[in-house]
Amino acid sequence: QDRLQNFNLEKSYTEFTAAQQNALTEAAQKVPAGGQDFTKNATTVFDKASQDWLGQVPEKLRPKWDAQMAKTRAVFSTSALALELKERDSYYKNTVSTQLNRFANGIGQMPNAFDNYKKMGNDFIDASGMSPGDKNVAKKGWAADSANVLAQAMILKDPGGFKKAVTAGDPRFQDLDADRVRSLVGAD
């Protein structure tokens, strides 16, 4: 009878873990923007289900299954956290990209406000929850993109003024690629 009981618990546990993985997969389809509290909420659901499952385990077998459930919980919460972080990173990157595009449009419409928009872009990147490496990449991209938009706006309004600014070493264009500068200077 002990063998049958152990076998049935193993079978039930396998079904339990599969059901929890399916529940996590389904929950991942509905992760809120930014992943806020996803791990906490998913782990709370798991904890309730695990307590329900452990309630069927005979007292003499509880230590084994408590230990097994703790290991499964660690794997489950790690998976949930990975999903939350992936969503959070995606949210920050997409939101920063959208806002930087708005700032770039502002530069295109009001080139005289370049310094203000560039600072706002850098401040927005800093305020995000992106990793330091992702922030550095975003800032380098923003520096080049904002300088490019300024260059395009100046070429449209005053090609000669743009050429003079670049030739004089205007620091606003320091983040433009040298090939890009050559192609823009010849654009008038």
Protein backbone atom coordinates (compact mmCIF):
# COMPACT_ATOMS: atom_id res chain seq x y z
CA GLN A 1 0.00 0.00 0.00
CA ASP A 2 2.90 2.41 0.70
CA ARG A 3 4.24 1.83 -2.82
CA LEU A 4 0.83 2.59 -4.35
CA GLN A 5 0.44 5.67 -2.15
CA ASN A 6 3.91 6.97 -3.14
CA PHE A 7 3.21 6.29 -6.79
CA ASN A 8 -0.10 8.12 -6.66
CA LEU A 9 1.52 11.08 -4.89
CA GLU A 10 4.26 11.20 -7.54
CA LYS A 11 1.60 11.10 -10.26
CA SER A 12 -0.44 13.79 -8.54
CA TYR A 13 2.64 15.96 -8.01
CA THR A 14 3.59 15.68 -11.67
CA GLU A 15 0.07 16.79 -12.60
CA PHE A 16 0.26 19.60 -10.04
CA THR A 17 3.56 20.95 -11.43
CA ALA A 18 2.28 20.73 -15.01
CA ALA A 19 -0.88 22.60 -14.03
CA GLN A 20 1.19 25.30 -12.29
CA GLN A 21 3.44 25.69 -15.32
CA ASN A 22 0.36 26.02 -17.53
CA ALA A 23 -1.09 28.60 -15.14
CA LEU A 24 2.16 30.57 -15.28
CA THR A 25 2.19 30.41 -19.07
CA GLU A 26 -1.39 31.69 -19.19
CA ALA A 27 -0.64 34.43 -16.66
CA ALA A 28 2.37 35.47 -18.75
CA GLN A 29 -0.02 36.30 -21.59
CA LYS A 30 -1.67 38.88 -19.32
CA VAL A 31 1.36 40.45 -17.65
CA PRO A 32 0.54 44.08 -16.87
CA ALA A 33 2.62 46.77 -18.58
CA GLY A 34 5.91 46.97 -16.77
CA GLY A 35 5.36 43.59 -15.11
CA GLN A 36 4.40 45.27 -11.83
CA ASP A 37 3.86 42.65 -9.07
CA PHE A 38 3.72 39.73 -11.52
CA THR A 39 6.09 37.55 -9.49
CA LYS A 40 4.35 38.39 -6.23
CA ASN A 41 0.90 37.62 -7.62
CA ALA A 42 1.96 34.44 -9.43
CA THR A 43 3.79 33.16 -6.35
CA THR A 44 0.76 33.88 -4.15
CA VAL A 45 -1.40 31.75 -6.48
CA PHE A 46 1.25 29.02 -6.46
CA ASP A 47 1.49 29.09 -2.65
CA LYS A 48 -2.27 28.64 -2.29
CA ALA A 49 -2.32 25.76 -4.77
CA SER A 50 0.70 24.11 -3.14
CA GLN A 51 -0.90 24.30 0.31
CA ASP A 52 -4.04 22.71 -1.12
CA TRP A 53 -1.98 19.96 -2.71
CA LEU A 54 0.10 19.35 0.42
CA GLY A 55 -3.15 19.01 2.37
CA GLN A 56 -3.66 15.60 0.75
CA VAL A 57 -0.25 14.28 1.81
CA PRO A 58 -0.22 11.98 4.85
CA GLU A 59 1.61 13.50 7.83
CA LYS A 60 4.38 10.89 7.80
CA LEU A 61 5.28 11.81 4.20
CA ARG A 62 5.05 15.58 4.66
CA PRO A 63 8.78 16.30 5.21
CA LYS A 64 9.69 14.78 1.82
CA TRP A 65 6.92 16.61 -0.03
CA ASP A 66 7.45 19.90 1.84
CA ALA A 67 11.09 19.83 0.69
CA GLN A 68 10.08 18.92 -2.87
CA MET A 69 7.48 21.70 -2.92
CA ALA A 70 10.07 24.23 -1.69
CA LYS A 71 12.34 23.33 -4.61
CA THR A 72 9.46 23.56 -7.06
CA ARG A 73 8.43 26.94 -5.60
CA ALA A 74 11.98 28.25 -6.10
CA VAL A 75 11.94 27.18 -9.77
CA PHE A 76 8.44 28.58 -10.24
CA SER A 77 9.21 31.96 -8.66
CA THR A 78 12.44 32.23 -10.65
CA SER A 79 10.47 31.62 -13.86
CA ALA A 80 7.88 34.20 -12.83
CA LEU A 81 10.60 36.72 -12.03
CA ALA A 82 12.24 36.15 -15.42
CA LEU A 83 8.90 36.86 -17.11
CA GLU A 84 8.39 39.99 -14.98
CA LEU A 85 11.87 41.32 -15.75
CA LYS A 86 11.48 40.63 -19.45
CA GLU A 87 8.19 42.54 -19.50
CA ARG A 88 9.66 45.34 -17.39
CA ASP A 89 12.66 45.72 -19.68
CA SER A 90 10.44 45.72 -22.76
CA TYR A 91 8.13 48.30 -21.17
CA TYR A 92 10.99 50.66 -20.30
CA LYS A 93 12.67 50.32 -23.70
CA ASN A 94 9.42 50.87 -25.62
CA THR A 95 8.33 53.78 -23.43
CA VAL A 96 11.74 55.45 -23.64
CA SER A 97 11.81 54.98 -27.41
CA THR A 98 8.35 56.53 -27.78
CA GLN A 99 9.26 59.51 -25.62
CA LEU A 100 12.59 60.06 -27.37
CA ASN A 101 10.73 60.15 -30.68
CA ARG A 102 8.53 62.91 -29.24
CA PHE A 103 11.58 64.85 -28.12
CA ALA A 104 13.15 64.38 -31.56
CA ASN A 105 9.99 65.80 -33.15
CA GLY A 106 10.34 68.77 -30.81
CA ILE A 107 13.92 69.30 -31.97
CA GLY A 108 12.78 69.13 -35.59
CA GLN A 109 10.10 71.76 -34.95
CA MET A 110 12.16 73.96 -32.61
CA PRO A 111 15.89 73.49 -33.29
CA ASN A 112 16.70 76.33 -30.88
CA ALA A 113 15.41 74.13 -28.04
CA PHE A 114 17.90 71.35 -28.86
CA ASP A 115 19.81 71.52 -25.56
CA ASN A 116 16.59 71.40 -23.57
CA TYR A 117 15.21 68.43 -25.52
CA LYS A 118 18.51 66.58 -25.38
CA LYS A 119 18.63 67.01 -21.59
CA MET A 120 15.00 65.94 -21.26
CA GLY A 121 15.81 62.79 -23.24
CA ASN A 122 18.79 61.96 -21.05
CA ASP A 123 16.80 62.65 -17.89
CA PHE A 124 13.97 60.41 -19.13
CA ILE A 125 16.44 57.60 -19.84
CA ASP A 126 17.96 58.04 -16.36
CA ALA A 127 14.51 57.93 -14.75
CA SER A 128 13.71 54.61 -16.38
CA GLY A 129 14.32 51.27 -14.73
CA MET A 130 16.55 50.09 -17.55
CA SER A 131 19.84 48.43 -16.64
CA PRO A 132 22.91 50.69 -16.60
CA GLY A 133 24.14 49.04 -19.81
CA ASP A 134 20.82 49.60 -21.57
CA LYS A 135 20.80 53.21 -20.35
CA ASN A 136 24.25 53.78 -21.84
CA VAL A 137 23.16 52.30 -25.17
CA ALA A 138 20.00 54.42 -25.14
CA LYS A 139 21.95 57.59 -24.33
CA LYS A 140 24.46 57.00 -27.12
CA GLY A 141 21.63 56.37 -29.55
CA TRP A 142 19.77 59.44 -28.32
CA ALA A 143 22.89 61.62 -28.67
CA ALA A 144 23.33 60.56 -32.30
CA ASP A 145 19.62 60.68 -33.15
CA SER A 146 19.06 64.10 -31.58
CA ALA A 147 22.12 65.53 -33.36
CA ASN A 148 20.91 64.05 -36.65
CA VAL A 149 17.44 65.59 -36.23
CA LEU A 150 19.02 68.96 -35.41
CA ALA A 151 21.23 68.69 -38.48
CA GLN A 152 18.25 67.89 -40.71
CA ALA A 153 16.26 70.80 -39.27
CA MET A 154 19.15 73.22 -39.74
CA ILE A 155 19.77 72.04 -43.30
CA LEU A 156 16.12 72.73 -44.15
CA LYS A 157 16.16 76.21 -42.62
CA ASP A 158 19.74 77.37 -43.18
CA PRO A 159 22.08 75.00 -45.05
CA GLY A 160 24.92 77.48 -44.94
CA GLY A 161 24.48 77.99 -41.21
CA PHE A 162 24.63 74.24 -40.68
CA LYS A 163 27.81 73.93 -42.74
CA LYS A 164 29.38 76.79 -40.80
CA ALA A 165 28.39 75.26 -37.44
CA VAL A 166 29.84 71.86 -38.33
CA THR A 167 33.02 73.39 -39.75
CA ALA A 168 33.44 75.45 -36.56
CA GLY A 169 33.15 72.26 -34.46
CA ASP A 170 29.75 72.97 -32.92
CA PRO A 171 29.56 70.50 -29.99
CA ARG A 172 25.91 69.74 -30.73
CA PHE A 173 27.11 67.64 -33.67
CA GLN A 174 29.92 65.78 -31.90
CA ASP A 175 27.81 62.61 -31.69
CA LEU A 176 27.26 62.38 -35.43
CA ASP A 177 29.22 59.74 -37.30
CA ALA A 178 31.96 61.30 -39.46
CA ASP A 179 30.51 59.76 -42.63
CA ARG A 180 27.12 61.15 -41.71
CA VAL A 181 28.58 64.64 -41.22
CA ARG A 182 30.30 64.49 -44.61
CA SER A 183 27.07 63.42 -46.30
CA LEU A 184 25.10 66.19 -44.56
CA VAL A 185 27.63 68.92 -45.27
CA GLY A 186 27.38 68.07 -48.95
CA ALA A 187 23.57 68.15 -48.68
CA ASP A 188 23.15 71.82 -49.51
